[in-house]
PDB file of all heavy atoms in Angstrom:
ATOM      1  N   ASP A   1      84.522 138.866  40.726  1.00  0.00           N
ATOM      2  CA  ASP A   1      84.304 137.484  41.165  1.00  0.00           C
ATOM      3  C   ASP A   1      85.462 136.994  42.065  1.00  0.00           C
ATOM      4  O   ASP A   1      85.240 136.313  43.072  1.00  0.00           O
ATOM      5  CB  ASP A   1      84.164 136.568  39.952  1.00  0.00           C
ATOM      6  CG  ASP A   1      82.940 136.894  39.107  1.00  0.00           C
ATOM      7  OD1 ASP A   1      81.955 137.357  39.738  1.00  0.00           O
ATOM      8  OD2 ASP A   1      82.966 136.716  37.914  1.00  0.00           O
ATOM      9  N   TYR A   2      86.686 137.321  41.659  1.00  0.00           N
ATOM     10  CA  TYR A   2      87.881 136.862  42.442  1.00  0.00           C
ATOM     11  C   TYR A   2      88.482 138.093  43.133  1.00  0.00           C
ATOM     12  O   TYR A   2      89.637 138.457  42.895  1.00  0.00           O
ATOM     13  CB  TYR A   2      88.880 136.172  41.529  1.00  0.00           C
ATOM     14  CG  TYR A   2      88.287 134.973  40.827  1.00  0.00           C
ATOM     15  CD1 TYR A   2      87.744 135.077  39.540  1.00  0.00           C
ATOM     16  CD2 TYR A   2      88.311 133.731  41.427  1.00  0.00           C
ATOM     17  CE1 TYR A   2      87.221 133.943  38.899  1.00  0.00           C
ATOM     18  CE2 TYR A   2      87.794 132.610  40.763  1.00  0.00           C
ATOM     19  CZ  TYR A   2      87.289 132.713  39.527  1.00  0.00           C
ATOM     20  OH  TYR A   2      86.739 131.613  38.909  1.00  0.00           O
ATOM     21  N   TRP A   3      87.682 138.704  43.973  1.00  0.00           N
ATOM     22  CA  TRP A   3      88.061 139.936  44.611  1.00  0.00           C
ATOM     23  C   TRP A   3      89.349 139.825  45.450  1.00  0.00           C
ATOM     24  O   TRP A   3      90.085 140.814  45.620  1.00  0.00           O
ATOM     25  CB  TRP A   3      86.897 140.456  45.521  1.00  0.00           C
ATOM     26  CG  TRP A   3      86.490 139.427  46.506  1.00  0.00           C
ATOM     27  CD1 TRP A   3      85.491 138.486  46.352  1.00  0.00           C
ATOM     28  CD2 TRP A   3      87.046 139.196  47.819  1.00  0.00           C
ATOM     29  NE1 TRP A   3      85.365 137.695  47.472  1.00  0.00           N
ATOM     30  CE2 TRP A   3      86.323 138.115  48.379  1.00  0.00           C
ATOM     31  CE3 TRP A   3      88.054 139.768  48.572  1.00  0.00           C
ATOM     32  CZ2 TRP A   3      86.600 137.598  49.690  1.00  0.00           C
ATOM     33  CZ3 TRP A   3      88.319 139.291  49.845  1.00  0.00           C
ATOM     34  CH2 TRP A   3      87.612 138.209  50.400  1.00  0.00           C
ATOM     35  N   TRP A   4      89.598 138.650  46.030  1.00  0.00           N
ATOM     36  CA  TRP A   4      90.739 138.476  46.922  1.00  0.00           C
ATOM     37  C   TRP A   4      92.093 138.669  46.214  1.00  0.00           C
ATOM     38  O   TRP A   4      93.069 138.985  46.843  1.00  0.00           O
ATOM     39  CB  TRP A   4      90.661 137.107  47.612  1.00  0.00           C
ATOM     40  CG  TRP A   4      90.604 135.942  46.674  1.00  0.00           C
ATOM     41  CD1 TRP A   4      91.651 135.278  46.100  1.00  0.00           C
ATOM     42  CD2 TRP A   4      89.379 135.357  46.155  1.00  0.00           C
ATOM     43  NE1 TRP A   4      91.178 134.289  45.270  1.00  0.00           N
ATOM     44  CE2 TRP A   4      89.823 134.266  45.293  1.00  0.00           C
ATOM     45  CE3 TRP A   4      88.054 135.574  46.347  1.00  0.00           C
ATOM     46  CZ2 TRP A   4      88.893 133.481  44.612  1.00  0.00           C
ATOM     47  CZ3 TRP A   4      87.144 134.761  45.673  1.00  0.00           C
ATOM     48  CH2 TRP A   4      87.585 133.718  44.837  1.00  0.00           C
ATOM     49  N   MET A   5      92.120 138.448  44.924  1.00  0.00           N
ATOM     50  CA  MET A   5      93.363 138.616  44.179  1.00  0.00           C
ATOM     51  C   MET A   5      93.832 140.059  44.199  1.00  0.00           C
ATOM     52  O   MET A   5      95.055 140.327  44.167  1.00  0.00           O
ATOM     53  CB  MET A   5      93.207 138.168  42.715  1.00  0.00           C
ATOM     54  CG  MET A   5      92.888 136.685  42.550  1.00  0.00           C
ATOM     55  SD  MET A   5      92.830 136.231  40.797  1.00  0.00           S
ATOM     56  CE  MET A   5      92.259 134.547  40.899  1.00  0.00           C
ATOM     57  N   THR A   6      92.905 141.005  44.273  1.00  0.00           N
ATOM     58  CA  THR A   6      93.249 142.423  44.323  1.00  0.00           C
ATOM     59  C   THR A   6      93.181 143.012  45.733  1.00  0.00           C
ATOM     60  O   THR A   6      94.036 143.813  46.118  1.00  0.00           O
ATOM     61  CB  THR A   6      92.288 143.206  43.393  1.00  0.00           C
ATOM     62  OG1 THR A   6      92.443 142.769  42.060  1.00  0.00           O
ATOM     63  CG2 THR A   6      92.570 144.698  43.476  1.00  0.00           C
ATOM     64  N   ALA A   7      92.222 142.542  46.509  1.00  0.00           N
ATOM     65  CA  ALA A   7      91.975 143.124  47.798  1.00  0.00           C
ATOM     66  C   ALA A   7      93.156 142.956  48.768  1.00  0.00           C
ATOM     67  O   ALA A   7      93.589 143.932  49.420  1.00  0.00           O
ATOM     68  CB  ALA A   7      90.714 142.545  48.419  1.00  0.00           C
ATOM     69  N   PHE A   8      93.689 141.780  48.859  1.00  0.00           N
ATOM     70  CA  PHE A   8      94.736 141.521  49.869  1.00  0.00           C
ATOM     71  C   PHE A   8      96.075 142.224  49.521  1.00  0.00           C
ATOM     72  O   PHE A   8      96.698 142.786  50.449  1.00  0.00           O
ATOM     73  CB  PHE A   8      94.922 140.046  50.085  1.00  0.00           C
ATOM     74  CG  PHE A   8      93.765 139.437  50.799  1.00  0.00           C
ATOM     75  CD1 PHE A   8      92.942 138.482  50.196  1.00  0.00           C
ATOM     76  CD2 PHE A   8      93.450 139.775  52.099  1.00  0.00           C
ATOM     77  CE1 PHE A   8      91.852 137.908  50.837  1.00  0.00           C
ATOM     78  CE2 PHE A   8      92.396 139.209  52.776  1.00  0.00           C
ATOM     79  CZ  PHE A   8      91.597 138.281  52.130  1.00  0.00           C
ATOM     80  N   PRO A   9      96.537 142.253  48.283  1.00  0.00           N
ATOM     81  CA  PRO A   9      97.718 143.057  47.999  1.00  0.00           C
ATOM     82  C   PRO A   9      97.508 144.528  48.243  1.00  0.00           C
ATOM     83  O   PRO A   9      98.418 145.218  48.760  1.00  0.00           O
ATOM     84  CB  PRO A   9      98.006 142.762  46.534  1.00  0.00           C
ATOM     85  CG  PRO A   9      97.394 141.457  46.270  1.00  0.00           C
ATOM     86  CD  PRO A   9      96.146 141.407  47.149  1.00  0.00           C
ATOM     87  N   ALA A  10      96.279 145.017  47.944  1.00  0.00           N
ATOM     88  CA  ALA A  10      95.997 146.436  48.193  1.00  0.00           C
ATOM     89  C   ALA A  10      95.948 146.718  49.687  1.00  0.00           C
ATOM     90  O   ALA A  10      96.479 147.767  50.124  1.00  0.00           O
ATOM     91  CB  ALA A  10      94.631 146.792  47.599  1.00  0.00           C
ATOM     92  N   LEU A  11      95.425 145.835  50.486  1.00  0.00           N
ATOM     93  CA  LEU A  11      95.403 146.001  51.939  1.00  0.00           C
ATOM     94  C   LEU A  11      96.846 145.960  52.489  1.00  0.00           C
ATOM     95  O   LEU A  11      97.135 146.646  53.499  1.00  0.00           O
ATOM     96  CB  LEU A  11      94.547 144.945  52.599  1.00  0.00           C
ATOM     97  CG  LEU A  11      93.042 145.080  52.402  1.00  0.00           C
ATOM     98  CD1 LEU A  11      92.298 143.865  53.015  1.00  0.00           C
ATOM     99  CD2 LEU A  11      92.503 146.359  53.035  1.00  0.00           C
ATOM    100  N   ALA A  12      97.717 145.192  51.882  1.00  0.00           N
ATOM    101  CA  ALA A  12      99.098 145.136  52.321  1.00  0.00           C
ATOM    102  C   ALA A  12      99.763 146.526  52.146  1.00  0.00           C
ATOM    103  O   ALA A  12     100.558 146.959  53.009  1.00  0.00           O
ATOM    104  CB  ALA A  12      99.863 144.068  51.566  1.00  0.00           C
ATOM    105  N   ILE A  13      99.465 147.166  51.012  1.00  0.00           N
ATOM    106  CA  ILE A  13      99.997 148.523  50.787  1.00  0.00           C
ATOM    107  C   ILE A  13      99.497 149.489  51.835  1.00  0.00           C
ATOM    108  O   ILE A  13     100.250 150.295  52.418  1.00  0.00           O
ATOM    109  CB  ILE A  13      99.668 149.019  49.382  1.00  0.00           C
ATOM    110  CG1 ILE A  13     100.292 148.122  48.310  1.00  0.00           C
ATOM    111  CG2 ILE A  13     100.092 150.467  49.171  1.00  0.00           C
ATOM    112  CD1 ILE A  13      99.956 148.496  46.882  1.00  0.00           C
ATOM    113  N   VAL A  14      98.165 149.433  52.128  1.00  0.00           N
ATOM    114  CA  VAL A  14      97.580 150.279  53.113  1.00  0.00           C
ATOM    115  C   VAL A  14      98.225 150.042  54.480  1.00  0.00           C
ATOM    116  O   VAL A  14      98.526 150.958  55.263  1.00  0.00           O
ATOM    117  CB  VAL A  14      96.046 150.069  53.171  1.00  0.00           C
ATOM    118  CG1 VAL A  14      95.453 150.885  54.330  1.00  0.00           C
ATOM    119  CG2 VAL A  14      95.392 150.455  51.894  1.00  0.00           C
ATOM    120  N   PHE A  15      98.435 148.760  54.798  1.00  0.00           N
ATOM    121  CA  PHE A  15      99.038 148.336  56.063  1.00  0.00           C
ATOM    122  C   PHE A  15     100.414 148.967  56.239  1.00  0.00           C
ATOM    123  O   PHE A  15     100.694 149.598  57.310  1.00  0.00           O
ATOM    124  CB  PHE A  15      99.155 146.797  56.065  1.00  0.00           C
ATOM    125  CG  PHE A  15      99.797 146.237  57.274  1.00  0.00           C
ATOM    126  CD1 PHE A  15      99.112 146.077  58.468  1.00  0.00           C
ATOM    127  CD2 PHE A  15     101.099 145.753  57.225  1.00  0.00           C
ATOM    128  CE1 PHE A  15      99.703 145.520  59.593  1.00  0.00           C
ATOM    129  CE2 PHE A  15     101.706 145.226  58.349  1.00  0.00           C
ATOM    130  CZ  PHE A  15     101.018 145.108  59.543  1.00  0.00           C
ATOM    131  N   VAL A  16     101.280 148.862  55.265  1.00  0.00           N
ATOM    132  CA  VAL A  16     102.651 149.396  55.426  1.00  0.00           C
ATOM    133  C   VAL A  16     102.685 150.915  55.404  1.00  0.00           C
ATOM    134  O   VAL A  16     103.489 151.543  56.115  1.00  0.00           O
ATOM    135  CB  VAL A  16     103.563 148.755  54.358  1.00  0.00           C
ATOM    136  CG1 VAL A  16     103.282 149.317  52.979  1.00  0.00           C
ATOM    137  CG2 VAL A  16     105.027 148.976  54.697  1.00  0.00           C
ATOM    138  N   ILE A  17     101.829 151.523  54.594  1.00  0.00           N
ATOM    139  CA  ILE A  17     101.775 153.003  54.553  1.00  0.00           C
ATOM    140  C   ILE A  17     101.304 153.574  55.856  1.00  0.00           C
ATOM    141  O   ILE A  17     101.879 154.510  56.406  1.00  0.00           O
ATOM    142  CB  ILE A  17     100.865 153.483  53.383  1.00  0.00           C
ATOM    143  CG1 ILE A  17     101.529 153.222  52.050  1.00  0.00           C
ATOM    144  CG2 ILE A  17     100.578 154.981  53.532  1.00  0.00           C
ATOM    145  CD1 ILE A  17     100.676 153.614  50.865  1.00  0.00           C
ATOM    146  N   LEU A  18     100.249 152.979  56.466  1.00  0.00           N
ATOM    147  CA  LEU A  18      99.765 153.418  57.732  1.00  0.00           C
ATOM    148  C   LEU A  18     100.840 153.282  58.816  1.00  0.00           C
ATOM    149  O   LEU A  18     101.024 154.152  59.674  1.00  0.00           O
ATOM    150  CB  LEU A  18      98.504 152.617  58.164  1.00  0.00           C
ATOM    151  CG  LEU A  18      97.193 153.063  57.521  1.00  0.00           C
ATOM    152  CD1 LEU A  18      96.079 152.141  58.018  1.00  0.00           C
ATOM    153  CD2 LEU A  18      96.872 154.494  57.827  1.00  0.00           C
ATOM    154  N   GLY A  19     101.535 152.130  58.784  1.00  0.00           N
ATOM    155  CA  GLY A  19     102.600 151.894  59.746  1.00  0.00           C
ATOM    156  C   GLY A  19     103.673 152.972  59.724  1.00  0.00           C
ATOM    157  O   GLY A  19     104.039 153.511  60.756  1.00  0.00           O
ATOM    158  N   PHE A  20     104.170 153.280  58.537  1.00  0.00           N
ATOM    159  CA  PHE A  20     105.245 154.294  58.428  1.00  0.00           C
ATOM    160  C   PHE A  20     104.711 155.708  58.711  1.00  0.00           C
ATOM    161  O   PHE A  20     105.454 156.567  59.189  1.00  0.00           O
ATOM    162  CB  PHE A  20     105.938 154.193  57.109  1.00  0.00           C
ATOM    163  CG  PHE A  20     106.983 153.092  57.061  1.00  0.00           C
ATOM    164  CD1 PHE A  20     106.666 151.903  56.470  1.00  0.00           C
ATOM    165  CD2 PHE A  20     108.212 153.279  57.657  1.00  0.00           C
ATOM    166  CE1 PHE A  20     107.627 150.874  56.443  1.00  0.00           C
ATOM    167  CE2 PHE A  20     109.158 152.294  57.597  1.00  0.00           C
ATOM    168  CZ  PHE A  20     108.889 151.080  57.010  1.00  0.00           C
ATOM    169  N   ASN A  21     103.453 155.955  58.354  1.00  0.00           N
ATOM    170  CA  ASN A  21     102.895 157.253  58.663  1.00  0.00           C
ATOM    171  C   ASN A  21     102.738 157.487  60.168  1.00  0.00           C
ATOM    172  O   ASN A  21     103.061 158.562  60.698  1.00  0.00           O
ATOM    173  CB  ASN A  21     101.532 157.457  57.973  1.00  0.00           C
ATOM    174  CG  ASN A  21     101.669 157.833  56.513  1.00  0.00           C
ATOM    175  OD1 ASN A  21     102.781 158.048  56.013  1.00  0.00           O
ATOM    176  ND2 ASN A  21     100.576 157.855  55.784  1.00  0.00           N
ATOM    177  N   PHE A  22     102.215 156.456  60.870  1.00  0.00           N
ATOM    178  CA  PHE A  22     102.152 156.517  62.314  1.00  0.00           C
ATOM    179  C   PHE A  22     103.532 156.676  62.963  1.00  0.00           C
ATOM    180  O   PHE A  22     103.703 157.440  63.912  1.00  0.00           O
ATOM    181  CB  PHE A  22     101.441 155.295  62.887  1.00  0.00           C
ATOM    182  CG  PHE A  22      99.986 155.200  62.557  1.00  0.00           C
ATOM    183  CD1 PHE A  22      99.314 153.989  62.536  1.00  0.00           C
ATOM    184  CD2 PHE A  22      99.257 156.362  62.277  1.00  0.00           C
ATOM    185  CE1 PHE A  22      97.976 153.916  62.274  1.00  0.00           C
ATOM    186  CE2 PHE A  22      97.879 156.312  61.970  1.00  0.00           C
ATOM    187  CZ  PHE A  22      97.252 155.070  61.978  1.00  0.00           C
ATOM    188  N   LEU A  23     104.478 155.907  62.392  1.00  0.00           N
ATOM    189  CA  LEU A  23     105.854 155.983  62.925  1.00  0.00           C
ATOM    190  C   LEU A  23     106.431 157.424  62.688  1.00  0.00           C
ATOM    191  O   LEU A  23     107.112 157.931  63.581  1.00  0.00           O
ATOM    192  CB  LEU A  23     106.717 154.942  62.225  1.00  0.00           C
ATOM    193  CG  LEU A  23     108.200 154.877  62.690  1.00  0.00           C
ATOM    194  CD1 LEU A  23     108.285 154.449  64.121  1.00  0.00           C
ATOM    195  CD2 LEU A  23     108.985 153.963  61.804  1.00  0.00           C
ATOM    196  N   GLY A  24     106.153 157.979  61.528  1.00  0.00           N
ATOM    197  CA  GLY A  24     106.656 159.328  61.216  1.00  0.00           C
ATOM    198  C   GLY A  24     106.035 160.338  62.167  1.00  0.00           C
ATOM    199  O   GLY A  24     106.768 161.292  62.590  1.00  0.00           O
ATOM    200  N   ASP A  25     104.774 160.225  62.480  1.00  0.00           N
ATOM    201  CA  ASP A  25     104.152 161.121  63.448  1.00  0.00           C
ATOM    202  C   ASP A  25     104.822 161.011  64.783  1.00  0.00           C
ATOM    203  O   ASP A  25     105.035 162.028  65.510  1.00  0.00           O
ATOM    204  CB  ASP A  25     102.663 160.859  63.587  1.00  0.00           C
ATOM    205  CG  ASP A  25     101.892 161.246  62.345  1.00  0.00           C
ATOM    206  OD1 ASP A  25     102.394 162.107  61.579  1.00  0.00           O
ATOM    207  OD2 ASP A  25     100.771 160.726  62.130  1.00  0.00           O
ATOM    208  N   GLY A  26     105.144 159.755  65.191  1.00  0.00           N
ATOM    209  CA  GLY A  26     105.829 159.553  66.470  1.00  0.00           C
ATOM    210  C   GLY A  26     107.219 160.159  66.509  1.00  0.00           C
ATOM    211  O   GLY A  26     107.638 160.742  67.510  1.00  0.00           O
ATOM    212  N   VAL A  27     107.954 160.007  65.399  1.00  0.00           N
ATOM    213  CA  VAL A  27     109.289 160.617  65.286  1.00  0.00           C
ATOM    214  C   VAL A  27     109.208 162.101  65.343  1.00  0.00           C
ATOM    215  O   VAL A  27     110.030 162.762  66.062  1.00  0.00           O
ATOM    216  CB  VAL A  27     109.963 160.156  63.986  1.00  0.00           C
ATOM    217  CG1 VAL A  27     111.267 160.906  63.754  1.00  0.00           C
ATOM    218  CG2 VAL A  27     110.267 158.645  64.008  1.00  0.00           C
ATOM    219  N   ARG A  28     108.224 162.705  64.708  1.00  0.00           N
ATOM    220  CA  ARG A  28     108.077 164.162  64.754  1.00  0.00           C
ATOM    221  C   ARG A  28     107.794 164.622  66.209  1.00  0.00           C
ATOM    222  O   ARG A  28     108.425 165.599  66.676  1.00  0.00           O
ATOM    223  CB  ARG A  28     106.938 164.594  63.846  1.00  0.00           C
ATOM    224  CG  ARG A  28     106.670 166.085  63.815  1.00  0.00           C
ATOM    225  CD  ARG A  28     105.407 166.411  63.041  1.00  0.00           C
ATOM    226  NE  ARG A  28     104.291 165.728  63.691  1.00  0.00           N
ATOM    227  CZ  ARG A  28     103.156 165.435  63.038  1.00  0.00           C
ATOM    228  NH1 ARG A  28     103.035 165.707  61.776  1.00  0.00           N
ATOM    229  NH2 ARG A  28     102.175 164.813  63.672  1.00  0.00           N
TER     230      ARG A  28
END
């Protein structure tokens, strides 16, 4: 019912993980 309480913090984790993974590929 209150999906936003879980969805947005989870998306924040995905956001930062993708950012550092893309950055790591660029560094490599």
